């Protein structure tokens, strides 16, 4: 993503050399350069700032694909909160995404409030925080980040927050002093986007991200006590034991079991449950986790085993494509954004309203905040029940699992006769308990929040899930041979995954988790019950950030 290089070099050089304390202020403009955004329908005219926003997001999330799902969603939610807080800083009414108060970095000079300044601020917020907030390592992650987002960033000696920001005003632990220091800092820099962006990121890190219950820096050990050396980021702080879950009350007493993975070169490992502590200890952003819970499901594992094997037996290219698509939460987001911009216009007023950068920033912040809260709620229930995955049930060595069945036999091997002990799902099983489905929770959040958020942005009735009203359709083009599981072979021909309504998309999302062999039936169906209402609750919260006033959007 080389398009951001002129932005970074031009603005860093101008803002780091000049300290301005009073008017006249410099008007900030994004220089012209080519951009690359998420795939959009051919011929669609997209607002320049929307294109910049999409490219900014595309480059930012690229390094996060290697993280386990809940951690990746945490990091992406920080990015979208920073982008929104930049928008709110250069606006005279909008509120902070976290505090629901005016941002500490609010720019009082109205003449500086512009989309250009908001975009630049966002870029510098991400630049300032990609080490400190996102936790990307200089040795491994930065080259990927540079290739996709800000080339030659390492030419700058300070890859994190500017030293003068951290030292400014002697930032103490007192919140009032911090507020004063940030206010004075951005004023001393003439409210330049580089300074405001760095301050936005610093504020989010210092007051929220560093102590949000995720143990992102590994400050605590598994016993909850302080780590003194060789600390492990995101380490469990709850001393998790699967047998402590309600799984012990099932007829089989079957609790989650660590699965085995390998690298194909002789290295094997056993899973540890990913962040089991966050369901109880991580801070939610909007909802109260205790308002959402599920009873122990009445699983008949013998019956569920047969269902899972039947689904495996009837895998085809369309199902495989859907499994891979819905397993990649970035692709879901990009496809939905493409559909939204095609429907509402990336600057085309004739399509019912302009999907401007500011509207997109608000919508994206709603989207990832709802995902974040949904995952915490799902994790609480996963750990509380600690139920076993289909892989463990079907491959169980304590039973007669040498029985031969017709099932998917692995990449490029199709469906054939195999023994149960050799069965595997179509894609990797994530290292956490089976019930409920975290993806199911995310997908019902997407369905509900998109409908309510877009009705708010563009008028009541603009999105609905029945055939008698306006609908939002999502199409996903899957080229021949594009599979990551069976590259070059699957699908045999181009496929179009088409979902006429948001409800259709949500149901297909859940079904893909069953077809892939990662879940039993109740995990998907009950996830819809568990996370029902989270998306709308986040929309209601976010509406307050703009005073329930859509006319305040550019």
Protein backbone atom coordinates (compact mmCIF):
# COMPACT_ATOMS: atom_id res chain seq x y z
CA UNK A 1 0.00 0.00 0.00
CA UNK A 2 2.47 2.62 -1.23
CA UNK A 3 -0.17 5.33 -1.51
CA UNK A 4 0.33 6.42 2.12
CA UNK A 5 4.04 7.17 1.74
CA UNK A 6 3.55 10.76 0.51
CA UNK A 7 1.03 11.33 3.28
CA UNK A 8 3.41 10.12 6.01
CA UNK A 9 6.54 11.81 4.74
CA UNK A 10 4.82 15.11 3.90
CA UNK A 11 2.94 15.47 7.15
CA UNK A 12 5.59 14.07 9.45
CA UNK A 13 8.18 16.50 8.12
CA UNK A 14 5.86 19.49 8.38
CA UNK A 15 4.38 18.73 11.79
CA UNK A 16 7.53 17.58 13.57
CA UNK A 17 9.55 20.72 12.80
CA UNK A 18 7.04 23.45 13.60
CA UNK A 19 5.45 24.23 16.96
CA UNK A 20 2.43 26.50 16.73
CA UNK A 21 0.64 27.78 19.79
CA UNK A 22 -1.92 30.14 18.34
CA UNK A 23 -3.79 31.22 15.20
CA UNK A 24 -3.43 31.64 12.27
CA UNK A 25 -3.75 27.89 11.85
CA UNK A 26 -2.63 25.87 8.87
CA UNK A 27 -5.43 24.24 6.88
CA UNK A 28 -4.65 20.56 6.48
CA UNK A 29 -5.23 18.78 3.19
CA UNK A 30 -4.55 15.24 2.09
CA UNK A 31 -2.25 15.39 -0.94
CA UNK A 32 -3.39 13.70 -4.15
CA UNK A 33 -2.19 10.16 -4.81
CA UNK A 34 -3.51 6.88 -6.12
CA UNK A 35 -5.32 4.58 -3.70
CA UNK A 36 -6.35 0.97 -3.62
CA UNK A 37 -9.48 -0.07 -1.75
CA UNK A 38 -11.52 -3.18 -1.08
CA UNK A 39 -13.13 -4.68 -4.21
CA UNK A 40 -16.15 -2.69 -5.37
CA UNK A 41 -18.56 -3.19 -8.29
CA UNK A 42 -17.11 -2.10 -11.66
CA UNK A 43 -17.94 1.45 -12.63
CA UNK A 44 -18.98 2.54 -9.13
CA UNK A 45 -17.96 6.14 -8.42
CA UNK A 46 -16.54 6.29 -4.90
CA UNK A 47 -15.92 9.41 -2.87
CA UNK A 48 -12.18 10.07 -2.64
CA UNK A 49 -12.25 10.09 1.15
CA UNK A 50 -14.19 6.82 1.29
CA UNK A 51 -11.53 5.30 -0.95
CA UNK A 52 -8.83 6.59 1.40
CA UNK A 53 -10.67 5.20 4.41
CA UNK A 54 -11.04 1.75 2.85
CA UNK A 55 -7.38 1.69 1.89
CA UNK A 56 -6.37 2.79 5.38
CA UNK A 57 -8.33 -0.06 6.94
CA UNK A 58 -7.15 -2.58 4.36
CA UNK A 59 -3.52 -1.83 5.13
CA UNK A 60 -3.98 -1.67 8.88
CA UNK A 61 -5.65 -5.04 9.40
CA UNK A 62 -3.30 -7.01 7.15
CA UNK A 63 -0.79 -7.85 9.95
CA UNK A 64 -3.57 -8.98 12.30
CA UNK A 65 -4.55 -12.11 10.38
CA UNK A 66 -1.99 -14.20 12.27
CA UNK A 67 -3.66 -13.51 15.63
CA UNK A 68 -6.32 -15.76 17.11
CA UNK A 69 -9.82 -14.41 16.44
CA UNK A 70 -10.66 -12.76 19.78
CA UNK A 71 -7.30 -11.00 19.93
CA UNK A 72 -7.55 -9.80 16.34
CA UNK A 73 -11.03 -8.38 17.03
CA UNK A 74 -9.72 -6.55 20.10
CA UNK A 75 -6.99 -4.91 18.03
CA UNK A 76 -9.27 -3.98 15.13
CA UNK A 77 -11.77 -2.44 17.54
CA UNK A 78 -9.01 -0.17 18.87
CA UNK A 79 -8.18 0.93 15.32
CA UNK A 80 -11.80 1.85 14.59
CA UNK A 81 -12.15 3.67 17.91
CA UNK A 82 -9.05 5.70 17.10
CA UNK A 83 -10.42 6.59 13.66
CA UNK A 84 -13.70 7.68 15.20
CA UNK A 85 -11.99 9.69 17.95
CA UNK A 86 -9.99 11.49 15.27
CA UNK A 87 -13.26 12.37 13.54
CA UNK A 88 -14.73 13.55 16.84
CA UNK A 89 -11.62 15.61 17.67
CA UNK A 90 -12.12 17.64 14.48
CA UNK A 91 -15.84 18.22 15.13
CA UNK A 92 -17.58 20.61 17.48
CA UNK A 93 -20.21 18.16 18.86
CA UNK A 94 -19.19 14.52 18.51
CA UNK A 95 -18.16 12.45 21.53
CA UNK A 96 -15.34 10.05 22.39
CA UNK A 97 -16.12 6.42 21.46
CA UNK A 98 -15.08 5.16 24.90
CA UNK A 99 -15.98 7.87 27.41
CA UNK A 100 -19.05 9.31 25.62
CA UNK A 101 -17.66 12.73 26.50
CA UNK A 102 -15.88 15.33 24.39
CA UNK A 103 -12.44 13.95 23.41
CA UNK A 104 -9.46 15.11 25.43
CA UNK A 105 -7.93 15.93 22.04
CA UNK A 106 -10.85 18.09 20.81
CA UNK A 107 -9.75 20.83 18.41
CA UNK A 108 -11.49 24.13 19.32
CA UNK A 109 -10.57 25.91 16.10
CA UNK A 110 -13.58 25.16 13.87
CA UNK A 111 -11.78 26.29 10.73
CA UNK A 112 -9.58 23.19 11.07
CA UNK A 113 -12.52 20.78 11.11
CA UNK A 114 -12.33 18.96 7.80
CA UNK A 115 -12.38 15.47 6.33
CA UNK A 116 -8.76 15.93 5.28
CA UNK A 117 -7.70 16.54 8.89
CA UNK A 118 -9.72 13.54 10.11
CA UNK A 119 -8.14 11.21 7.56
CA UNK A 120 -4.63 12.43 8.34
CA UNK A 121 -5.25 12.19 12.08
CA UNK A 122 -6.39 8.57 11.63
CA UNK A 123 -3.26 7.66 9.69
CA UNK A 124 -1.02 9.15 12.37
CA UNK A 125 -2.99 7.59 15.22
CA UNK A 126 -2.38 4.19 13.69
CA UNK A 127 1.24 5.03 12.94
CA UNK A 128 1.86 6.11 16.52
CA UNK A 129 0.19 3.07 18.03
CA UNK A 130 1.03 0.14 15.82
CA UNK A 131 3.75 -0.94 18.23
CA UNK A 132 2.30 0.30 21.51
CA UNK A 133 -1.40 -0.53 21.06
CA UNK A 134 -1.43 -3.27 18.45
CA UNK A 135 1.55 -5.04 19.97
CA UNK A 136 3.26 -5.71 16.63
CA UNK A 137 6.91 -6.71 16.95
CA UNK A 138 9.66 -4.81 15.16
CA UNK A 139 11.42 -7.98 14.06
CA UNK A 140 8.51 -9.94 12.59
CA UNK A 141 5.36 -7.91 12.01
CA UNK A 142 6.66 -4.53 10.95
CA UNK A 143 7.91 -5.59 7.49
CA UNK A 144 4.43 -6.87 6.66
CA UNK A 145 2.89 -3.72 8.07
CA UNK A 146 5.25 -1.55 6.05
CA UNK A 147 4.51 -3.33 2.79
CA UNK A 148 0.78 -2.83 3.21
CA UNK A 149 0.46 0.47 5.02
CA UNK A 150 3.32 2.94 5.52
CA UNK A 151 6.50 2.07 3.59
CA UNK A 152 9.82 3.27 5.02
CA UNK A 153 8.28 4.00 8.41
CA UNK A 154 11.46 2.78 10.05
CA UNK A 155 13.26 5.81 8.61
CA UNK A 156 11.79 7.63 11.60
CA UNK A 157 13.75 7.11 14.80
CA UNK A 158 10.63 7.09 16.98
CA UNK A 159 8.44 4.19 15.83
CA UNK A 160 6.04 4.54 18.72
CA UNK A 161 4.72 7.69 20.36
CA UNK A 162 6.70 10.93 19.97
CA UNK A 163 8.96 11.41 22.95
CA UNK A 164 7.66 14.91 23.60
CA UNK A 165 4.10 13.57 23.88
CA UNK A 166 5.03 11.10 26.59
CA UNK A 167 7.01 13.74 28.45
CA UNK A 168 4.67 16.65 27.87
CA UNK A 169 3.31 18.20 31.02
CA UNK A 170 4.82 15.36 33.02
CA UNK A 171 1.87 13.07 32.25
CA UNK A 172 1.04 11.68 35.68
CA UNK A 173 -1.35 8.99 36.79
CA UNK A 174 -3.87 11.66 37.63
CA UNK A 175 -6.52 11.71 34.90
CA UNK A 176 -7.04 15.45 35.16
CA UNK A 177 -3.35 16.10 34.63
CA UNK A 178 -3.38 13.81 31.61
CA UNK A 179 -6.33 15.66 30.12
CA UNK A 180 -4.59 18.98 30.61
CA UNK A 181 -1.35 17.65 29.14
CA UNK A 182 -3.02 16.27 26.03
CA UNK A 183 -4.94 19.48 25.50
CA UNK A 184 -1.79 21.54 25.83
CA UNK A 185 0.21 19.17 23.66
CA UNK A 186 -2.10 19.31 20.64
CA UNK A 187 -2.47 23.09 21.04
CA UNK A 188 1.32 23.54 21.07
CA UNK A 189 1.47 21.69 17.75
CA UNK A 190 -1.13 23.90 16.13
CA UNK A 191 -3.64 21.02 16.20
CA UNK A 192 -1.74 19.35 13.36
CA UNK A 193 -3.16 15.90 12.51
CA UNK A 194 0.16 14.22 13.33
CA UNK A 195 -0.03 15.55 16.90
CA UNK A 196 -3.76 14.98 17.38
CA UNK A 197 -3.47 11.45 15.98
CA UNK A 198 -0.60 10.56 18.27
CA UNK A 199 -2.48 12.00 21.26
CA UNK A 200 -5.66 10.08 20.33
CA UNK A 201 -3.70 6.83 20.25
CA UNK A 202 -1.80 7.63 23.44
CA UNK A 203 -5.03 8.41 25.28
CA UNK A 204 -6.64 5.14 24.19
CA UNK A 205 -3.57 3.13 25.16
CA UNK A 206 -2.89 4.80 28.48
CA UNK A 207 -6.40 4.93 29.85
CA UNK A 208 -8.00 1.84 28.37
CA UNK A 209 -5.95 -0.63 26.33
CA UNK A 210 -3.22 -1.14 28.91
CA UNK A 211 -5.66 -2.30 31.58
CA UNK A 212 -8.66 -3.84 29.84
CA UNK A 213 -8.43 -7.34 31.35
CA UNK A 214 -6.82 -9.05 28.35
CA UNK A 215 -3.35 -9.29 29.90
CA UNK A 216 -2.02 -8.12 26.54
CA UNK A 217 1.44 -7.43 27.94
CA UNK A 218 1.55 -10.57 30.07
CA UNK A 219 1.77 -8.55 33.28
CA UNK A 220 -0.01 -11.33 35.18
CA UNK A 221 0.73 -15.04 35.43
CA UNK A 222 -1.78 -17.88 35.26
CA UNK A 223 -2.41 -17.53 39.00
CA UNK A 224 -3.31 -13.85 38.59
CA UNK A 225 -0.12 -12.68 40.30
CA UNK A 226 2.36 -10.23 38.82
CA UNK A 227 4.80 -11.63 36.29
CA UNK A 228 8.39 -10.73 37.12
CA UNK A 229 10.22 -11.92 33.97
CA UNK A 230 9.71 -13.72 30.65
CA UNK A 231 6.09 -12.62 30.60
CA UNK A 232 3.74 -14.03 27.98
CA UNK A 233 1.29 -11.68 26.18
CA UNK A 234 -2.37 -12.66 26.50
CA UNK A 235 -1.54 -15.42 28.98
CA UNK A 236 -4.46 -16.88 30.95
CA UNK A 237 -4.86 -15.24 34.36
CA UNK A 238 -7.65 -17.49 35.64
CA UNK A 239 -5.86 -20.86 35.92
CA UNK A 240 -8.45 -22.34 33.55
CA UNK A 241 -9.39 -25.99 33.92
CA UNK A 242 -11.95 -27.47 31.46
CA UNK A 243 -13.27 -29.90 34.06
CA UNK A 244 -14.51 -26.96 36.13
CA UNK A 245 -17.17 -26.25 33.49
CA UNK A 246 -20.75 -27.50 33.38
CA UNK A 247 -19.50 -30.13 30.91
CA UNK A 248 -19.08 -32.45 33.87
CA UNK A 249 -22.86 -32.63 34.14
CA UNK A 250 -23.32 -34.10 30.65
CA UNK A 251 -24.11 -37.85 30.49
CA UNK A 252 -20.65 -38.50 29.08
CA UNK A 253 -18.90 -35.98 31.34
CA UNK A 254 -17.12 -34.85 28.17
CA UNK A 255 -15.18 -31.61 28.55
CA UNK A 256 -13.09 -29.65 26.05
CA UNK A 257 -9.88 -31.44 25.11
CA UNK A 258 -6.74 -29.86 23.64
CA UNK A 259 -6.35 -30.88 20.00
CA UNK A 260 -3.05 -31.65 18.29
CA UNK A 261 -1.55 -29.64 15.44
CA UNK A 262 1.63 -30.05 13.41
CA UNK A 263 3.70 -28.14 10.89
CA UNK A 264 4.29 -31.02 8.47
CA UNK A 265 7.98 -31.09 9.42
CA UNK A 266 7.82 -33.23 12.53
CA UNK A 267 6.80 -30.57 15.05
CA UNK A 268 3.63 -31.32 17.04
CA UNK A 269 1.84 -29.28 19.68
CA UNK A 270 -1.25 -29.46 21.88
CA UNK A 271 -3.68 -26.57 22.22
CA UNK A 272 -4.10 -24.35 25.21
CA UNK A 273 -7.43 -22.55 25.38
CA UNK A 274 -7.08 -19.06 23.87
CA UNK A 275 -7.63 -16.26 26.41
CA UNK A 276 -10.04 -18.17 28.68
CA UNK A 277 -9.90 -15.31 31.18
CA UNK A 278 -11.40 -12.61 28.96
CA UNK A 279 -14.99 -13.83 29.26
CA UNK A 280 -14.98 -12.72 32.89
CA UNK A 281 -12.07 -10.31 33.21
CA UNK A 282 -11.99 -8.27 30.00
CA UNK A 283 -13.95 -5.05 29.98
CA UNK A 284 -16.87 -4.92 27.59
CA UNK A 285 -17.36 -1.68 25.69
CA UNK A 286 -21.15 -1.32 25.81
CA UNK A 287 -23.19 -4.27 27.08
CA UNK A 288 -23.27 -5.99 30.48
CA UNK A 289 -22.04 -9.56 29.98
CA UNK A 290 -24.20 -10.84 32.82
CA UNK A 291 -27.32 -10.02 30.81
CA UNK A 292 -26.41 -12.80 28.38
CA UNK A 293 -26.18 -16.50 29.27
CA UNK A 294 -27.10 -20.00 28.10
CA UNK A 295 -28.08 -23.18 29.88
CA UNK A 296 -26.16 -26.40 29.29
CA UNK A 297 -27.41 -27.75 25.93
CA UNK A 298 -29.07 -31.20 25.82
CA UNK A 299 -26.51 -32.74 23.49
CA UNK A 300 -26.92 -36.31 22.27
CA UNK A 301 -23.33 -36.81 21.17
CA UNK A 302 -23.99 -40.06 19.31
CA UNK A 303 -26.60 -38.29 17.20
CA UNK A 304 -24.46 -35.16 16.74
CA UNK A 305 -21.53 -37.32 15.66
CA UNK A 306 -23.58 -38.84 12.85
CA UNK A 307 -24.78 -35.40 11.77
CA UNK A 308 -21.21 -34.10 11.64
CA UNK A 309 -20.07 -37.07 9.55
CA UNK A 310 -23.04 -36.69 7.19
CA UNK A 311 -22.15 -33.04 6.63
CA UNK A 312 -18.55 -34.03 5.96
CA UNK A 313 -19.72 -36.66 3.47
CA UNK A 314 -21.67 -34.13 1.42
CA UNK A 315 -19.11 -31.34 1.19
CA UNK A 316 -19.06 -29.72 -2.24
CA UNK A 317 -17.24 -26.73 -3.73
CA UNK A 318 -19.97 -24.24 -2.80
CA UNK A 319 -19.96 -25.38 0.83
CA UNK A 320 -16.17 -25.31 0.96
CA UNK A 321 -16.15 -21.77 -0.45
CA UNK A 322 -18.69 -20.63 2.16
CA UNK A 323 -16.73 -22.30 4.99
CA UNK A 324 -13.56 -20.46 4.02
CA UNK A 325 -15.35 -17.16 3.42
CA UNK A 326 -17.14 -17.04 6.78
CA UNK A 327 -14.03 -18.24 8.59
CA UNK A 328 -12.25 -15.06 7.46
CA UNK A 329 -13.86 -12.21 9.37
CA UNK A 330 -11.98 -9.65 7.29
CA UNK A 331 -13.56 -10.94 4.08
CA UNK A 332 -17.01 -10.76 5.68
CA UNK A 333 -16.41 -7.12 6.62
CA UNK A 334 -14.99 -6.19 3.21
CA UNK A 335 -17.83 -7.88 1.31
CA UNK A 336 -20.45 -6.18 3.45
CA UNK A 337 -18.76 -2.80 3.02
CA UNK A 338 -18.71 -3.29 -0.74
CA UNK A 339 -22.45 -4.04 -0.70
CA UNK A 340 -23.16 -1.01 1.50
CA UNK A 341 -21.23 1.39 -0.69
CA UNK A 342 -22.81 -0.04 -3.84
CA UNK A 343 -26.28 0.46 -2.33
CA UNK A 344 -25.88 3.82 -0.62
CA UNK A 345 -23.21 5.40 -2.78
CA UNK A 346 -19.64 6.34 -2.08
CA UNK A 347 -20.40 10.01 -2.65
CA UNK A 348 -23.41 9.52 -4.96
CA UNK A 349 -26.27 11.52 -3.43
CA UNK A 350 -28.79 9.95 -5.83
CA UNK A 351 -28.41 6.63 -3.99
CA UNK A 352 -30.15 7.83 -0.85
CA UNK A 353 -27.22 9.51 0.83
CA UNK A 354 -23.47 9.70 0.68
CA UNK A 355 -21.46 7.05 2.49
CA UNK A 356 -18.82 9.60 3.47
CA UNK A 357 -15.64 8.96 5.45
CA UNK A 358 -17.36 10.18 8.60
CA UNK A 359 -20.39 7.90 8.17
CA UNK A 360 -18.07 5.02 7.38
CA UNK A 361 -15.97 5.78 10.48
CA UNK A 362 -19.10 5.74 12.65
CA UNK A 363 -20.43 2.54 11.06
CA UNK A 364 -17.07 0.73 11.31
CA UNK A 365 -16.72 1.70 14.96
CA UNK A 366 -20.22 0.28 15.63
CA UNK A 367 -19.40 -2.90 13.70
CA UNK A 368 -16.18 -3.79 15.51
CA UNK A 369 -17.46 -2.69 18.93
CA UNK A 370 -20.39 -5.09 18.57
CA UNK A 371 -18.06 -7.87 17.42
CA UNK A 372 -15.83 -7.22 20.42
CA UNK A 373 -18.61 -7.35 22.99
CA UNK A 374 -20.15 -10.41 21.31
CA UNK A 375 -16.87 -12.30 21.52
CA UNK A 376 -16.48 -11.52 25.23
CA UNK A 377 -20.02 -12.73 25.89
CA UNK A 378 -19.40 -15.89 23.84
CA UNK A 379 -16.09 -16.53 25.63
CA UNK A 380 -17.77 -16.27 29.01
CA UNK A 381 -20.15 -19.04 28.02
CA UNK A 382 -17.47 -21.13 26.27
CA UNK A 383 -15.40 -21.29 29.43
CA UNK A 384 -18.41 -21.70 31.74
CA UNK A 385 -19.54 -24.81 29.84
CA UNK A 386 -16.19 -26.01 28.36
CA UNK A 387 -17.82 -28.44 25.95
CA UNK A 388 -15.95 -30.81 23.66
CA UNK A 389 -15.31 -30.31 19.93
CA UNK A 390 -16.56 -32.72 17.21
CA UNK A 391 -12.95 -33.71 16.47
CA UNK A 392 -12.53 -35.15 19.97
CA UNK A 393 -15.86 -36.99 19.87
CA UNK A 394 -15.39 -38.60 16.46
CA UNK A 395 -11.71 -39.49 16.93
CA UNK A 396 -12.15 -40.66 20.54
CA UNK A 397 -9.56 -43.34 21.25
CA UNK A 398 -11.52 -44.73 24.20
CA UNK A 399 -14.24 -46.10 21.93
CA UNK A 400 -14.32 -48.29 18.86
CA UNK A 401 -13.21 -45.48 16.57
CA UNK A 402 -11.64 -47.81 14.02
CA UNK A 403 -15.06 -47.96 12.37
CA UNK A 404 -14.92 -47.08 8.67
CA UNK A 405 -17.09 -44.22 7.41
CA UNK A 406 -17.49 -42.22 4.20
CA UNK A 407 -16.26 -38.69 4.92
CA UNK A 408 -14.01 -35.87 3.77
CA UNK A 409 -10.49 -37.33 3.84
CA UNK A 410 -8.44 -34.12 3.86
CA UNK A 411 -7.08 -31.61 1.32
CA UNK A 412 -7.14 -32.85 -2.28
CA UNK A 413 -8.36 -36.32 -1.20
CA UNK A 414 -12.09 -35.79 -1.55
CA UNK A 415 -14.69 -38.01 0.13
CA UNK A 416 -13.67 -41.62 0.67
CA UNK A 417 -13.70 -44.43 3.22
CA UNK A 418 -11.68 -43.54 6.31
CA UNK A 419 -11.62 -44.64 9.94
CA UNK A 420 -13.17 -42.31 12.49
CA UNK A 421 -9.88 -41.87 14.32
CA UNK A 422 -8.41 -40.25 11.19
CA UNK A 423 -11.23 -37.76 10.61
CA UNK A 424 -10.59 -34.01 10.59
CA UNK A 425 -12.81 -30.97 9.91
CA UNK A 426 -12.43 -29.14 6.61
CA UNK A 427 -10.51 -26.24 8.22
CA UNK A 428 -8.47 -25.74 11.37
CA UNK A 429 -10.37 -25.97 14.64
CA UNK A 430 -9.67 -22.95 16.80
CA UNK A 431 -8.17 -23.65 20.24
CA UNK A 432 -11.17 -22.96 22.40
CA UNK A 433 -14.29 -24.71 23.65
CA UNK A 434 -17.09 -25.68 21.27
CA UNK A 435 -20.21 -24.12 22.79
CA UNK A 436 -21.43 -21.59 21.80
CA UNK A 437 -20.14 -20.55 18.37
CA UNK A 438 -18.27 -17.25 18.50
CA UNK A 439 -18.78 -16.86 14.76
CA UNK A 440 -22.53 -17.37 15.17
CA UNK A 441 -22.55 -14.55 17.73
CA UNK A 442 -20.64 -12.29 15.37
CA UNK A 443 -22.95 -13.03 12.45
CA UNK A 444 -26.19 -12.25 14.28
CA UNK A 445 -24.57 -9.03 15.51
CA UNK A 446 -23.71 -8.10 11.94
CA UNK A 447 -27.26 -8.78 10.77
CA UNK A 448 -28.90 -6.75 13.50
CA UNK A 449 -26.47 -3.85 13.74
CA UNK A 450 -26.27 -3.33 9.97
CA UNK A 451 -30.04 -3.03 9.65
CA UNK A 452 -30.39 -0.61 12.57
CA UNK A 453 -27.25 1.42 11.84
CA UNK A 454 -28.12 1.94 8.19
CA UNK A 455 -31.70 2.88 9.03
CA UNK A 456 -30.22 5.55 11.28
CA UNK A 457 -27.74 6.81 8.69
CA UNK A 458 -30.00 6.76 5.64
CA UNK A 459 -33.57 6.76 6.93
CA UNK A 460 -36.07 4.23 8.39
CA UNK A 461 -36.91 1.26 6.21
CA UNK A 462 -33.81 1.44 4.03
CA UNK A 463 -32.73 -2.04 5.14
CA UNK A 464 -34.97 -4.94 6.07
CA UNK A 465 -34.85 -8.71 6.01
CA UNK A 466 -38.10 -9.56 4.33
CA UNK A 467 -38.83 -9.65 0.61
CA UNK A 468 -41.50 -6.95 0.81
CA UNK A 469 -39.12 -4.21 1.89
CA UNK A 470 -35.77 -2.83 0.87
CA UNK A 471 -33.01 -5.37 1.30
CA UNK A 472 -29.24 -5.40 1.38
CA UNK A 473 -27.86 -8.17 -0.82
CA UNK A 474 -24.28 -9.42 -0.54
CA UNK A 475 -22.48 -11.26 -3.33
CA UNK A 476 -19.08 -12.89 -2.98
CA UNK A 477 -17.15 -13.91 -6.08
CA UNK A 478 -14.93 -16.96 -5.49
CA UNK A 479 -12.50 -17.54 -8.41
CA UNK A 480 -11.62 -21.00 -9.63
CA UNK A 481 -8.78 -22.53 -7.59
CA UNK A 482 -8.72 -19.75 -4.97
CA UNK A 483 -9.17 -22.00 -1.94
CA UNK A 484 -6.59 -21.68 0.82
CA UNK A 485 -7.25 -25.27 1.90
CA UNK A 486 -7.09 -26.82 -1.57
CA UNK A 487 -5.32 -24.13 -3.65
CA UNK A 488 -5.51 -24.56 -7.38
CA UNK A 489 -8.15 -27.28 -7.15
CA UNK A 490 -11.11 -25.76 -5.33
CA UNK A 491 -13.46 -24.55 -6.55
CA UNK A 492 -13.25 -26.28 -9.90
CA UNK A 493 -15.14 -23.36 -11.47
CA UNK A 494 -15.88 -19.76 -10.47
CA UNK A 495 -18.57 -19.53 -7.81
CA UNK A 496 -20.82 -16.66 -6.73
CA UNK A 497 -21.99 -16.88 -3.13
CA UNK A 498 -25.13 -14.75 -3.05
CA UNK A 499 -27.15 -13.75 0.02
CA UNK A 500 -30.36 -11.84 -0.83
CA UNK A 501 -30.81 -10.46 2.71
CA UNK A 502 -28.79 -9.97 5.87
CA UNK A 503 -30.77 -12.78 7.46
CA UNK A 504 -29.80 -15.13 4.64
CA UNK A 505 -26.17 -14.18 5.16
CA UNK A 506 -26.37 -14.83 8.89
CA UNK A 507 -27.97 -18.26 8.42
CA UNK A 508 -25.38 -19.24 5.82
CA UNK A 509 -22.67 -18.06 8.19
CA UNK A 510 -23.90 -20.37 10.94
CA UNK A 511 -24.44 -23.29 8.58
CA UNK A 512 -20.85 -23.00 7.39
CA UNK A 513 -19.61 -23.74 10.92
CA UNK A 514 -21.61 -26.97 10.91
CA UNK A 515 -20.63 -27.96 7.37
CA UNK A 516 -16.98 -27.41 8.22
CA UNK A 517 -17.15 -29.80 11.17
CA UNK A 518 -16.09 -27.29 13.81
CA UNK A 519 -19.35 -27.28 15.79
CA UNK A 520 -22.34 -29.32 16.83
CA UNK A 521 -25.85 -28.03 16.15
CA UNK A 522 -26.72 -26.32 19.43
CA UNK A 523 -23.53 -24.23 19.36
CA UNK A 524 -24.74 -22.37 16.28
CA UNK A 525 -28.46 -22.15 16.99
CA UNK A 526 -27.95 -21.10 20.60
CA UNK A 527 -25.36 -18.48 19.66
CA UNK A 528 -28.15 -16.56 17.92
CA UNK A 529 -30.12 -16.60 21.16
CA UNK A 530 -27.12 -15.63 23.28
CA UNK A 531 -26.04 -12.60 21.26
CA UNK A 532 -29.47 -11.39 20.19
CA UNK A 533 -29.65 -7.65 20.87
CA UNK A 534 -25.94 -6.87 21.25
CA UNK A 535 -25.71 -5.19 17.84
CA UNK A 536 -28.72 -2.90 18.38
CA UNK A 537 -27.47 -1.99 21.86
CA UNK A 538 -24.16 -0.83 20.40
CA UNK A 539 -25.99 1.18 17.71
CA UNK A 540 -28.04 2.95 20.39
CA UNK A 541 -24.83 3.76 22.25
CA UNK A 542 -23.13 5.05 19.11
CA UNK A 543 -26.09 7.24 18.17
CA UNK A 544 -25.44 9.21 21.35
CA UNK A 545 -21.92 9.98 20.12
CA UNK A 546 -23.43 12.11 17.34
CA UNK A 547 -26.27 13.47 19.48
CA UNK A 548 -28.77 11.31 17.55
CA UNK A 549 -28.28 13.76 14.71
CA UNK A 550 -27.44 12.45 11.24
CA UNK A 551 -27.35 16.00 9.86
CA UNK A 552 -24.07 16.49 11.74
CA UNK A 553 -22.36 14.16 9.25
CA UNK A 554 -20.64 15.83 6.28
